[in-house]
Amino acid sequence: MATSAKAKKKTVRTASGLKRARQDVVLNAANSSLRSKFRTAIKSVLKAVAGGDKAQATTTFKTAQKTIDQIAEKGIFHKNKAARYKSRLSAKVKALGA
């Protein structure tokens, strides 16, 4: 029996299933957008830290915090994962001052 690496999707037949499939497309797009925004926020803080610019790192960290909280609130990431990211970024920004 040969199975492909990617499982074949079954076609939905019920009205509720079709509606669910339509909703999933929209929700998936929203979640992907937020995940992308999250990654960009993280990268911008890390870039500022690497550049050694304390003021820039602080401002980008504040905006990144909002994005991280937003993603945790919506349940895209677990709240502990969000807290871990914020903690690690905060430590890097604080290390610039020392």
PDB file of N, CA and C in Angstrom:
ATOM      1  N   MET A   1       0.849  -1.177   0.000  1.00  0.00           N
ATOM      2  CA  MET A   1       0.000   0.000   0.000  1.00  0.00           C
ATOM      3  C   MET A   1       0.894   1.240   0.000  1.00  0.00           C
ATOM      4  N   ALA A   2       0.816   2.035  -1.039  1.00  0.00           N
ATOM      5  CA  ALA A   2       1.631   3.236  -1.144  1.00  0.00           C
ATOM      6  C   ALA A   2       0.849   4.434  -0.616  1.00  0.00           C
ATOM      7  N   THR A   3       1.419   5.109   0.376  1.00  0.00           N
ATOM      8  CA  THR A   3       0.780   6.312   0.908  1.00  0.00           C
ATOM      9  C   THR A   3       1.666   7.497   0.616  1.00  0.00           C
ATOM     10  N   SER A   4       1.033   8.570   0.227  1.00  0.00           N
ATOM     11  CA  SER A   4       1.803   9.771  -0.074  1.00  0.00           C
ATOM     12  C   SER A   4       2.162  10.486   1.219  1.00  0.00           C
ATOM     13  N   ALA A   5       3.129  11.374   1.142  1.00  0.00           N
ATOM     14  CA  ALA A   5       3.571  12.121   2.325  1.00  0.00           C
ATOM     15  C   ALA A   5       2.471  13.061   2.807  1.00  0.00           C
ATOM     16  N   LYS A   6       1.691  13.560   1.875  1.00  0.00           N
ATOM     17  CA  LYS A   6       0.622  14.482   2.231  1.00  0.00           C
ATOM     18  C   LYS A   6      -0.715  13.741   2.155  1.00  0.00           C
ATOM     19  N   ALA A   7      -1.463  13.765   3.235  1.00  0.00           N
ATOM     20  CA  ALA A   7      -2.741  13.071   3.266  1.00  0.00           C
ATOM     21  C   ALA A   7      -3.732  13.768   2.334  1.00  0.00           C
ATOM     22  N   LYS A   8      -4.537  12.961   1.657  1.00  0.00           N
ATOM     23  CA  LYS A   8      -5.521  13.515   0.736  1.00  0.00           C
ATOM     24  C   LYS A   8      -6.699  14.066   1.530  1.00  0.00           C
ATOM     25  N   LYS A   9      -7.108  15.300   1.201  1.00  0.00           N
ATOM     26  CA  LYS A   9      -8.228  15.911   1.908  1.00  0.00           C
ATOM     27  C   LYS A   9      -9.535  15.329   1.401  1.00  0.00           C
ATOM     28  N   LYS A  10     -10.444  15.109   2.336  1.00  0.00           N
ATOM     29  CA  LYS A  10     -11.761  14.625   1.960  1.00  0.00           C
ATOM     30  C   LYS A  10     -12.652  15.809   1.635  1.00  0.00           C
ATOM     31  N   THR A  11     -13.567  15.616   0.702  1.00  0.00           N
ATOM     32  CA  THR A  11     -14.509  16.651   0.339  1.00  0.00           C
ATOM     33  C   THR A  11     -15.626  16.696   1.369  1.00  0.00           C
ATOM     34  N   VAL A  12     -15.943  17.882   1.815  1.00  0.00           N
ATOM     35  CA  VAL A  12     -17.014  18.057   2.795  1.00  0.00           C
ATOM     36  C   VAL A  12     -18.345  18.043   2.061  1.00  0.00           C
ATOM     37  N   ARG A  13     -19.333  17.396   2.633  1.00  0.00           N
ATOM     38  CA  ARG A  13     -20.631  17.285   1.956  1.00  0.00           C
ATOM     39  C   ARG A  13     -21.754  18.039   2.660  1.00  0.00           C
ATOM     40  N   THR A  14     -21.692  18.141   3.972  1.00  0.00           N
ATOM     41  CA  THR A  14     -22.793  18.775   4.695  1.00  0.00           C
ATOM     42  C   THR A  14     -22.687  20.292   4.610  1.00  0.00           C
ATOM     43  N   ALA A  15     -23.826  20.936   4.775  1.00  0.00           N
ATOM     44  CA  ALA A  15     -23.862  22.404   4.711  1.00  0.00           C
ATOM     45  C   ALA A  15     -23.006  23.012   5.813  1.00  0.00           C
ATOM     46  N   SER A  16     -23.095  22.446   7.014  1.00  0.00           N
ATOM     47  CA  SER A  16     -22.306  22.972   8.134  1.00  0.00           C
ATOM     48  C   SER A  16     -20.813  22.759   7.894  1.00  0.00           C
ATOM     49  N   GLY A  17     -20.467  21.651   7.262  1.00  0.00           N
ATOM     50  CA  GLY A  17     -19.069  21.371   6.938  1.00  0.00           C
ATOM     51  C   GLY A  17     -18.531  22.333   5.897  1.00  0.00           C
ATOM     52  N   LEU A  18     -19.361  22.649   4.903  1.00  0.00           N
ATOM     53  CA  LEU A  18     -18.955  23.605   3.865  1.00  0.00           C
ATOM     54  C   LEU A  18     -18.738  24.991   4.462  1.00  0.00           C
ATOM     55  N   LYS A  19     -19.645  25.388   5.370  1.00  0.00           N
ATOM     56  CA  LYS A  19     -19.504  26.686   6.021  1.00  0.00           C
ATOM     57  C   LYS A  19     -18.223  26.712   6.861  1.00  0.00           C
ATOM     58  N   ARG A  20     -17.980  25.637   7.589  1.00  0.00           N
ATOM     59  CA  ARG A  20     -16.778  25.533   8.425  1.00  0.00           C
ATOM     60  C   ARG A  20     -15.528  25.667   7.560  1.00  0.00           C
ATOM     61  N   ALA A  21     -15.529  25.038   6.396  1.00  0.00           N
ATOM     62  CA  ALA A  21     -14.382  25.106   5.484  1.00  0.00           C
ATOM     63  C   ALA A  21     -14.161  26.537   5.003  1.00  0.00           C
ATOM     64  N   ARG A  22     -15.263  27.252   4.705  1.00  0.00           N
ATOM     65  CA  ARG A  22     -15.148  28.657   4.284  1.00  0.00           C
ATOM     66  C   ARG A  22     -14.580  29.507   5.404  1.00  0.00           C
ATOM     67  N   GLN A  23     -15.061  29.281   6.620  1.00  0.00           N
ATOM     68  CA  GLN A  23     -14.585  30.050   7.773  1.00  0.00           C
ATOM     69  C   GLN A  23     -13.109  29.774   8.041  1.00  0.00           C
ATOM     70  N   ASP A  24     -12.705  28.518   7.873  1.00  0.00           N
ATOM     71  CA  ASP A  24     -11.316  28.144   8.129  1.00  0.00           C
ATOM     72  C   ASP A  24     -10.344  28.888   7.231  1.00  0.00           C
ATOM     73  N   VAL A  25     -10.746  29.132   5.997  1.00  0.00           N
ATOM     74  CA  VAL A  25      -9.882  29.852   5.059  1.00  0.00           C
ATOM     75  C   VAL A  25      -9.626  31.269   5.576  1.00  0.00           C
ATOM     76  N   VAL A  26     -10.683  31.935   6.028  1.00  0.00           N
ATOM     77  CA  VAL A  26     -10.565  33.309   6.528  1.00  0.00           C
ATOM     78  C   VAL A  26      -9.747  33.344   7.816  1.00  0.00           C
ATOM     79  N   LEU A  27     -10.051  32.420   8.734  1.00  0.00           N
ATOM     80  CA  LEU A  27      -9.339  32.374  10.011  1.00  0.00           C
ATOM     81  C   LEU A  27      -7.862  32.053   9.821  1.00  0.00           C
ATOM     82  N   ASN A  28      -7.574  31.143   8.887  1.00  0.00           N
ATOM     83  CA  ASN A  28      -6.192  30.768   8.611  1.00  0.00           C
ATOM     84  C   ASN A  28      -5.417  31.969   8.085  1.00  0.00           C
ATOM     85  N   ALA A  29      -6.046  32.763   7.224  1.00  0.00           N
ATOM     86  CA  ALA A  29      -5.393  33.955   6.675  1.00  0.00           C
ATOM     87  C   ALA A  29      -5.100  34.968   7.778  1.00  0.00           C
ATOM     88  N   ALA A  30      -6.058  35.142   8.698  1.00  0.00           N
ATOM     89  CA  ALA A  30      -5.871  36.092   9.799  1.00  0.00           C
ATOM     90  C   ALA A  30      -4.749  35.635  10.718  1.00  0.00           C
ATOM     91  N   ASN A  31      -4.740  34.340  11.026  1.00  0.00           N
ATOM     92  CA  ASN A  31      -3.697  33.797  11.906  1.00  0.00           C
ATOM     93  C   ASN A  31      -2.317  33.892  11.256  1.00  0.00           C
ATOM     94  N   SER A  32      -2.252  33.619   9.962  1.00  0.00           N
ATOM     95  CA  SER A  32      -0.975  33.700   9.243  1.00  0.00           C
ATOM     96  C   SER A  32      -0.449  35.128   9.253  1.00  0.00           C
ATOM     97  N   SER A  33      -1.350  36.075   9.079  1.00  0.00           N
ATOM     98  CA  SER A  33      -0.973  37.479   9.084  1.00  0.00           C
ATOM     99  C   SER A  33      -0.403  37.881  10.440  1.00  0.00           C
ATOM    100  N   LEU A  34      -1.073  37.465  11.507  1.00  0.00           N
ATOM    101  CA  LEU A  34      -0.596  37.789  12.857  1.00  0.00           C
ATOM    102  C   LEU A  34       0.745  37.129  13.150  1.00  0.00           C
ATOM    103  N   ARG A  35       0.897  35.873  12.708  1.00  0.00           N
ATOM    104  CA  ARG A  35       2.162  35.162  12.921  1.00  0.00           C
ATOM    105  C   ARG A  35       3.300  35.881  12.210  1.00  0.00           C
ATOM    106  N   SER A  36       3.029  36.372  11.009  1.00  0.00           N
ATOM    107  CA  SER A  36       4.026  37.113  10.240  1.00  0.00           C
ATOM    108  C   SER A  36       4.384  38.419  10.947  1.00  0.00           C
ATOM    109  N   LYS A  37       3.370  39.112  11.451  1.00  0.00           N
ATOM    110  CA  LYS A  37       3.570  40.367  12.183  1.00  0.00           C
ATOM    111  C   LYS A  37       4.437  40.108  13.430  1.00  0.00           C
ATOM    112  N   PHE A  38       4.197  38.981  14.085  1.00  0.00           N
ATOM    113  CA  PHE A  38       4.955  38.576  15.266  1.00  0.00           C
ATOM    114  C   PHE A  38       6.432  38.385  14.919  1.00  0.00           C
ATOM    115  N   ARG A  39       6.685  37.637  13.851  1.00  0.00           N
ATOM    116  CA  ARG A  39       8.071  37.364  13.450  1.00  0.00           C
ATOM    117  C   ARG A  39       8.802  38.656  13.082  1.00  0.00           C
ATOM    118  N   THR A  40       8.107  39.535  12.391  1.00  0.00           N
ATOM    119  CA  THR A  40       8.704  40.815  11.997  1.00  0.00           C
ATOM    120  C   THR A  40       9.052  41.652  13.221  1.00  0.00           C
ATOM    121  N   ALA A  41       8.148  41.654  14.211  1.00  0.00           N
ATOM    122  CA  ALA A  41       8.384  42.425  15.438  1.00  0.00           C
ATOM    123  C   ALA A  41       9.615  41.898  16.173  1.00  0.00           C
ATOM    124  N   ILE A  42       9.732  40.587  16.261  1.00  0.00           N
ATOM    125  CA  ILE A  42      10.877  39.959  16.940  1.00  0.00           C
ATOM    126  C   ILE A  42      12.177  40.334  16.219  1.00  0.00           C
ATOM    127  N   LYS A  43      12.153  40.214  14.886  1.00  0.00           N
ATOM    128  CA  LYS A  43      13.355  40.515  14.094  1.00  0.00           C
ATOM    129  C   LYS A  43      13.781  41.970  14.234  1.00  0.00           C
ATOM    130  N   SER A  44      12.806  42.876  14.303  1.00  0.00           N
ATOM    131  CA  SER A  44      13.151  44.293  14.403  1.00  0.00           C
ATOM    132  C   SER A  44      13.817  44.599  15.743  1.00  0.00           C
ATOM    133  N   VAL A  45      13.353  43.946  16.817  1.00  0.00           N
ATOM    134  CA  VAL A  45      13.992  44.141  18.136  1.00  0.00           C
ATOM    135  C   VAL A  45      15.397  43.566  18.112  1.00  0.00           C
ATOM    136  N   LEU A  46      15.548  42.373  17.571  1.00  0.00           N
ATOM    137  CA  LEU A  46      16.865  41.731  17.530  1.00  0.00           C
ATOM    138  C   LEU A  46      17.845  42.534  16.669  1.00  0.00           C
ATOM    139  N   LYS A  47      17.340  43.129  15.589  1.00  0.00           N
ATOM    140  CA  LYS A  47      18.194  43.946  14.722  1.00  0.00           C
ATOM    141  C   LYS A  47      18.672  45.195  15.468  1.00  0.00           C
ATOM    142  N   ALA A  48      17.773  45.817  16.233  1.00  0.00           N
ATOM    143  CA  ALA A  48      18.128  47.007  17.012  1.00  0.00           C
ATOM    144  C   ALA A  48      19.140  46.655  18.099  1.00  0.00           C
ATOM    145  N   VAL A  49      18.959  45.488  18.720  1.00  0.00           N
ATOM    146  CA  VAL A  49      19.891  45.030  19.767  1.00  0.00           C
ATOM    147  C   VAL A  49      21.263  44.768  19.142  1.00  0.00           C
ATOM    148  N   ALA A  50      21.269  44.109  17.991  1.00  0.00           N
ATOM    149  CA  ALA A  50      22.531  43.811  17.305  1.00  0.00           C
ATOM    150  C   ALA A  50      23.247  45.099  16.897  1.00  0.00           C
ATOM    151  N   GLY A  51      22.474  46.112  16.538  1.00  0.00           N
ATOM    152  CA  GLY A  51      23.055  47.398  16.156  1.00  0.00           C
ATOM    153  C   GLY A  51      23.566  48.192  17.346  1.00  0.00           C
ATOM    154  N   GLY A  52      23.142  47.804  18.547  1.00  0.00           N
ATOM    155  CA  GLY A  52      23.590  48.476  19.761  1.00  0.00           C
ATOM    156  C   GLY A  52      22.844  49.766  20.060  1.00  0.00           C
ATOM    157  N   ASP A  53      21.728  49.979  19.410  1.00  0.00           N
ATOM    158  CA  ASP A  53      20.935  51.196  19.613  1.00  0.00           C
ATOM    159  C   ASP A  53      19.889  50.962  20.698  1.00  0.00           C
ATOM    160  N   LYS A  54      20.195  51.435  21.909  1.00  0.00           N
ATOM    161  CA  LYS A  54      19.321  51.212  23.070  1.00  0.00           C
ATOM    162  C   LYS A  54      17.948  51.868  22.886  1.00  0.00           C
ATOM    163  N   ALA A  55      17.907  53.104  22.405  1.00  0.00           N
ATOM    164  CA  ALA A  55      16.641  53.820  22.236  1.00  0.00           C
ATOM    165  C   ALA A  55      15.747  53.120  21.216  1.00  0.00           C
ATOM    166  N   GLN A  56      16.337  52.736  20.093  1.00  0.00           N
ATOM    167  CA  GLN A  56      15.590  52.037  19.041  1.00  0.00           C
ATOM    168  C   GLN A  56      15.093  50.681  19.545  1.00  0.00           C
ATOM    169  N   ALA A  57      15.959  49.975  20.262  1.00  0.00           N
ATOM    170  CA  ALA A  57      15.594  48.654  20.794  1.00  0.00           C
ATOM    171  C   ALA A  57      14.434  48.768  21.778  1.00  0.00           C
ATOM    172  N   THR A  58      14.447  49.802  22.610  1.00  0.00           N
ATOM    173  CA  THR A  58      13.387  50.005  23.603  1.00  0.00           C
ATOM    174  C   THR A  58      12.047  50.280  22.931  1.00  0.00           C
ATOM    175  N   THR A  59      12.052  51.147  21.928  1.00  0.00           N
ATOM    176  CA  THR A  59      10.786  51.475  21.255  1.00  0.00           C
ATOM    177  C   THR A  59      10.246  50.283  20.463  1.00  0.00           C
ATOM    178  N   THR A  60      11.119  49.570  19.784  1.00  0.00           N
ATOM    179  CA  THR A  60      10.656  48.412  19.021  1.00  0.00           C
ATOM    180  C   THR A  60      10.193  47.301  19.950  1.00  0.00           C
ATOM    181  N   PHE A  61      10.831  47.201  21.123  1.00  0.00           N
ATOM    182  CA  PHE A  61      10.416  46.187  22.094  1.00  0.00           C
ATOM    183  C   PHE A  61       9.001  46.473  22.602  1.00  0.00           C
ATOM    184  N   LYS A  62       8.695  47.749  22.824  1.00  0.00           N
ATOM    185  CA  LYS A  62       7.350  48.112  23.306  1.00  0.00           C
ATOM    186  C   LYS A  62       6.283  47.732  22.282  1.00  0.00           C
ATOM    187  N   THR A  63       6.556  47.984  21.012  1.00  0.00           N
ATOM    188  CA  THR A  63       5.582  47.611  19.977  1.00  0.00           C
ATOM    189  C   THR A  63       5.516  46.089  19.821  1.00  0.00           C
ATOM    190  N   ALA A  64       6.662  45.427  19.983  1.00  0.00           N
ATOM    191  CA  ALA A  64       6.689  43.961  19.882  1.00  0.00           C
ATOM    192  C   ALA A  64       5.881  43.332  21.016  1.00  0.00           C
ATOM    193  N   GLN A  65       5.944  43.931  22.199  1.00  0.00           N
ATOM    194  CA  GLN A  65       5.182  43.422  23.344  1.00  0.00           C
ATOM    195  C   GLN A  65       3.693  43.397  23.030  1.00  0.00           C
ATOM    196  N   LYS A  66       3.193  44.453  22.417  1.00  0.00           N
ATOM    197  CA  LYS A  66       1.774  44.529  22.066  1.00  0.00           C
ATOM    198  C   LYS A  66       1.398  43.403  21.106  1.00  0.00           C
ATOM    199  N   THR A  67       2.249  43.184  20.119  1.00  0.00           N
ATOM    200  CA  THR A  67       1.988  42.142  19.130  1.00  0.00           C
ATOM    201  C   THR A  67       2.016  40.761  19.780  1.00  0.00           C
ATOM    202  N   ILE A  68       2.987  40.536  20.655  1.00  0.00           N
ATOM    203  CA  ILE A  68       3.116  39.240  21.323  1.00  0.00           C
ATOM    204  C   ILE A  68       1.905  38.980  22.214  1.00  0.00           C
ATOM    205  N   ASP A  69       1.471  40.012  22.949  1.00  0.00           N
ATOM    206  CA  ASP A  69       0.293  39.866  23.807  1.00  0.00           C
ATOM    207  C   ASP A  69      -0.955  39.579  22.974  1.00  0.00           C
ATOM    208  N   GLN A  70      -1.058  40.255  21.857  1.00  0.00           N
ATOM    209  CA  GLN A  70      -2.213  40.083  20.973  1.00  0.00           C
ATOM    210  C   GLN A  70      -2.290  38.643  20.452  1.00  0.00           C
ATOM    211  N   ILE A  71      -1.152  38.100  20.083  1.00  0.00           N
ATOM    212  CA  ILE A  71      -1.114  36.748  19.536  1.00  0.00           C
ATOM    213  C   ILE A  71      -1.424  35.704  20.611  1.00  0.00           C
ATOM    214  N   ALA A  72      -1.005  35.975  21.847  1.00  0.00           N
ATOM    215  CA  ALA A  72      -1.289  35.054  22.952  1.00  0.00           C
ATOM    216  C   ALA A  72      -2.759  35.117  23.338  1.00  0.00           C
ATOM    217  N   GLU A  73      -3.312  36.322  23.294  1.00  0.00           N
ATOM    218  CA  GLU A  73      -4.714  36.525  23.659  1.00  0.00           C
ATOM    219  C   GLU A  73      -5.651  35.793  22.695  1.00  0.00           C
ATOM    220  N   LYS A  74      -5.277  35.777  21.419  1.00  0.00           N
ATOM    221  CA  LYS A  74      -6.099  35.116  20.407  1.00  0.00           C
ATOM    222  C   LYS A  74      -5.882  33.607  20.398  1.00  0.00           C
ATOM    223  N   GLY A  75      -4.891  33.127  21.144  1.00  0.00           N
ATOM    224  CA  GLY A  75      -4.672  31.685  21.245  1.00  0.00           C
ATOM    225  C   GLY A  75      -3.846  31.095  20.124  1.00  0.00           C
ATOM    226  N   ILE A  76      -3.174  31.946  19.351  1.00  0.00           N
ATOM    227  CA  ILE A  76      -2.330  31.439  18.278  1.00  0.00           C
ATOM    228  C   ILE A  76      -1.081  30.799  18.881  1.00  0.00           C
ATOM    229  N   PHE A  77      -0.536  31.440  19.911  1.00  0.00           N
ATOM    230  CA  PHE A  77       0.550  30.866  20.698  1.00  0.00           C
ATOM    231  C   PHE A  77       0.063  30.726  22.124  1.00  0.00           C
ATOM    232  N   HIS A  78       0.661  29.825  22.856  1.00  0.00           N
ATOM    233  CA  HIS A  78       0.336  29.665  24.275  1.00  0.00           C
ATOM    234  C   HIS A  78       0.854  30.873  25.037  1.00  0.00           C
ATOM    235  N   LYS A  79       0.165  31.234  26.098  1.00  0.00           N
ATOM    236  CA  LYS A  79       0.553  32.427  26.867  1.00  0.00           C
ATOM    237  C   LYS A  79       1.954  32.293  27.452  1.00  0.00           C
ATOM    238  N   ASN A  80       2.361  31.078  27.786  1.00  0.00           N
ATOM    239  CA  ASN A  80       3.709  30.883  28.334  1.00  0.00           C
ATOM    240  C   ASN A  80       4.780  31.100  27.256  1.00  0.00           C
ATOM    241  N   LYS A  81       4.466  30.719  26.028  1.00  0.00           N
ATOM    242  CA  LYS A  81       5.406  30.945  24.933  1.00  0.00           C
ATOM    243  C   LYS A  81       5.577  32.445  24.711  1.00  0.00           C
ATOM    244  N   ALA A  82       4.475  33.169  24.779  1.00  0.00           N
ATOM    245  CA  ALA A  82       4.520  34.625  24.622  1.00  0.00           C
ATOM    246  C   ALA A  82       5.348  35.252  25.738  1.00  0.00           C
ATOM    247  N   ALA A  83       5.125  34.793  26.958  1.00  0.00           N
ATOM    248  CA  ALA A  83       5.866  35.322  28.108  1.00  0.00           C
ATOM    249  C   ALA A  83       7.358  35.033  27.964  1.00  0.00           C
ATOM    250  N   ARG A  84       7.686  33.864  27.438  1.00  0.00           N
ATOM    251  CA  ARG A  84       9.085  33.479  27.249  1.00  0.00           C
ATOM    252  C   ARG A  84       9.761  34.406  26.239  1.00  0.00           C
ATOM    253  N   TYR A  85       9.076  34.681  25.141  1.00  0.00           N
ATOM    254  CA  TYR A  85       9.630  35.588  24.135  1.00  0.00           C
ATOM    255  C   TYR A  85       9.846  36.980  24.706  1.00  0.00           C
ATOM    256  N   LYS A  86       8.837  37.479  25.425  1.00  0.00           N
ATOM    257  CA  LYS A  86       8.949  38.827  26.002  1.00  0.00           C
ATOM    258  C   LYS A  86      10.091  38.891  27.002  1.00  0.00           C
ATOM    259  N   SER A  87      10.231  37.855  27.806  1.00  0.00           N
ATOM    260  CA  SER A  87      11.283  37.817  28.821  1.00  0.00           C
ATOM    261  C   SER A  87      12.667  37.830  28.180  1.00  0.00           C
ATOM    262  N   ARG A  88      12.850  37.015  27.162  1.00  0.00           N
ATOM    263  CA  ARG A  88      14.155  36.928  26.506  1.00  0.00           C
ATOM    264  C   ARG A  88      14.514  38.216  25.768  1.00  0.00           C
ATOM    265  N   LEU A  89      13.514  38.805  25.115  1.00  0.00           N
ATOM    266  CA  LEU A  89      13.765  40.070  24.418  1.00  0.00           C
ATOM    267  C   LEU A  89      14.079  41.177  25.414  1.00  0.00           C
ATOM    268  N   SER A  90      13.338  41.204  26.523  1.00  0.00           N
ATOM    269  CA  SER A  90      13.557  42.198  27.553  1.00  0.00           C
ATOM    270  C   SER A  90      14.975  42.107  28.115  1.00  0.00           C
ATOM    271  N   ALA A  91      15.422  40.878  28.334  1.00  0.00           N
ATOM    272  CA  ALA A  91      16.775  40.664  28.867  1.00  0.00           C
ATOM    273  C   ALA A  91      17.825  41.191  27.892  1.00  0.00           C
ATOM    274  N   LYS A  92      17.593  40.990  26.601  1.00  0.00           N
ATOM    275  CA  LYS A  92      18.556  41.463  25.594  1.00  0.00           C
ATOM    276  C   LYS A  92      18.596  42.984  25.527  1.00  0.00           C
ATOM    277  N   VAL A  93      17.413  43.598  25.638  1.00  0.00           N
ATOM    278  CA  VAL A  93      17.346  45.071  25.607  1.00  0.00           C
ATOM    279  C   VAL A  93      18.008  45.648  26.853  1.00  0.00           C
ATOM    280  N   LYS A  94      17.748  45.040  28.007  1.00  0.00           N
ATOM    281  CA  LYS A  94      18.353  45.516  29.264  1.00  0.00           C
ATOM    282  C   LYS A  94      19.868  45.353  29.264  1.00  0.00           C
ATOM    283  N   ALA A  95      20.346  44.293  28.606  1.00  0.00           N
ATOM    284  CA  ALA A  95      21.792  44.038  28.546  1.00  0.00           C
ATOM    285  C   ALA A  95      22.531  45.129  27.767  1.00  0.00           C
ATOM    286  N   LEU A  96      21.800  45.830  26.891  1.00  0.00           N
ATOM    287  CA  LEU A  96      22.423  46.926  26.137  1.00  0.00           C
ATOM    288  C   LEU A  96      22.856  48.067  27.064  1.00  0.00           C
ATOM    289  N   GLY A  97      22.069  48.312  28.091  1.00  0.00           N
ATOM    290  CA  GLY A  97      22.371  49.405  29.008  1.00  0.00           C
ATOM    291  C   GLY A  97      23.579  49.132  29.880  1.00  0.00           C
ATOM    292  N   ALA A  98      23.834  47.867  30.137  1.00  0.00           N
ATOM    293  CA  ALA A  98      24.938  47.499  31.043  1.00  0.00           C
ATOM    294  C   ALA A  98      26.297  47.641  30.387  1.00  0.00           C
TER     295      ALA A  98
END
